[in-house]
């Protein structure tokens, strides 16, 4: 593997800010704070704590002074995969811990600025390297961190608007086996990183004392990643000497834009209920193409070497629906619960074992503690992924299979302070 200086610098950043788990359908991530987790992400209308920088930045005009919040969500996923009448479990020791951090400053009665650091995309899929589907993938990891400064302004006493820019750093790693029967398997390890940029717009409106409405948009992020492809091939392989040799690799992917909506109502001073939805345009993710610096991939059909591989994705646009309830049980204690239904963007004709996902349900609960200038939020989420059959696609190394018993346990913690 070739060493690039920028990788060391950005790797240090990712020690603090990284995400490695597909916690939403596709490989989107919505675990942006413990309170938001407990409410099922139904915070676009509320938008009344620093994590609004991730869900609806226009809401930060509600925050006084200087406020900060930081924390993490620990995620433990498991699933069973059936291929060739053989059941394989994913890595039972997997534990992914995406963190988050936010800071807001009320400049004056009209303007508020904020900076968020959180992850919007991530994936962790780790399976035993000897499992039958290893020729498609046995490890796939996407890590991302978004740095998102925003400026929010009170247009009127009821209406606020926000504008922000997003700088996203992303790393991609994939491992898969190469079939060379009757010789032992070969191996390819792709490792790449890159930067992409986008923008976001948001509105927050409070028509009366008993309701709040929010709308937020995040643009697509065109991401180009560059890195290395390391090949391992068995000795004595009867192929051209340049085949499957280590080389550079690059690829381009468009990460999708999304719209988020939320309507929060306050039946009493102590009770709030929010209904929301997120619409993600995953159709922009239509193909995964990897370009190699040298012609190294042997094409048996043409008996020649090629320098590009491509897989059709053809994902579809999907909805994520949520509801969250919060009740102020005591002066220092809030009780929270939420539910999410998350549609999968993966089509039957292009699903594979790198992202073996399906529609999912999330059941959420949590507590909020607050005293003086401090807040501490905790949550627990149980995520259930519906079973799914996968059709065979030999050209992509995808065996006929079944995803079963896929779920995840998530525990979140956020700590905030108002100066």
Foldseek 3Di string as FASTA:
>chain_A
DDDDVVCVVVVVVVVVAKWAAQPFFPFWDQCAAQQCQQFVNQCQFVLQAQSCLVRFVQSCLNPAAKKKKKWKKKKQWKWWKAFPNDIWIWPRPDIIIGMKMKMKGDPDNWKIKMKIKGGTGWHWTATPCPDLLQQQFRTKIKMKIKIKIKMKGDPDPFKIKMKIKIKMKMKIWTKGWADDPPPDIKIKIDIKIWIWMWMKMKMKGDPDPFKIKIKIKTAKTKTKIKAKMQMGDDPPRPAPPLARHIFIKMWIAIAWMKMKIKMKGHPDPFKIKMKIKMKTACQSGFKTKMFTPDQHHQDPVVRDTDGMDMATFRFGIWMKIKMKMWGCPDPFKIWIWMKIWHAHRGDQVRDASSNNAGIKMKTKIWMWGDDDFKIKIKMKIKMDTDKDWHDDDVVSSGGTMIMPPIIMIMMIMMMMGHD
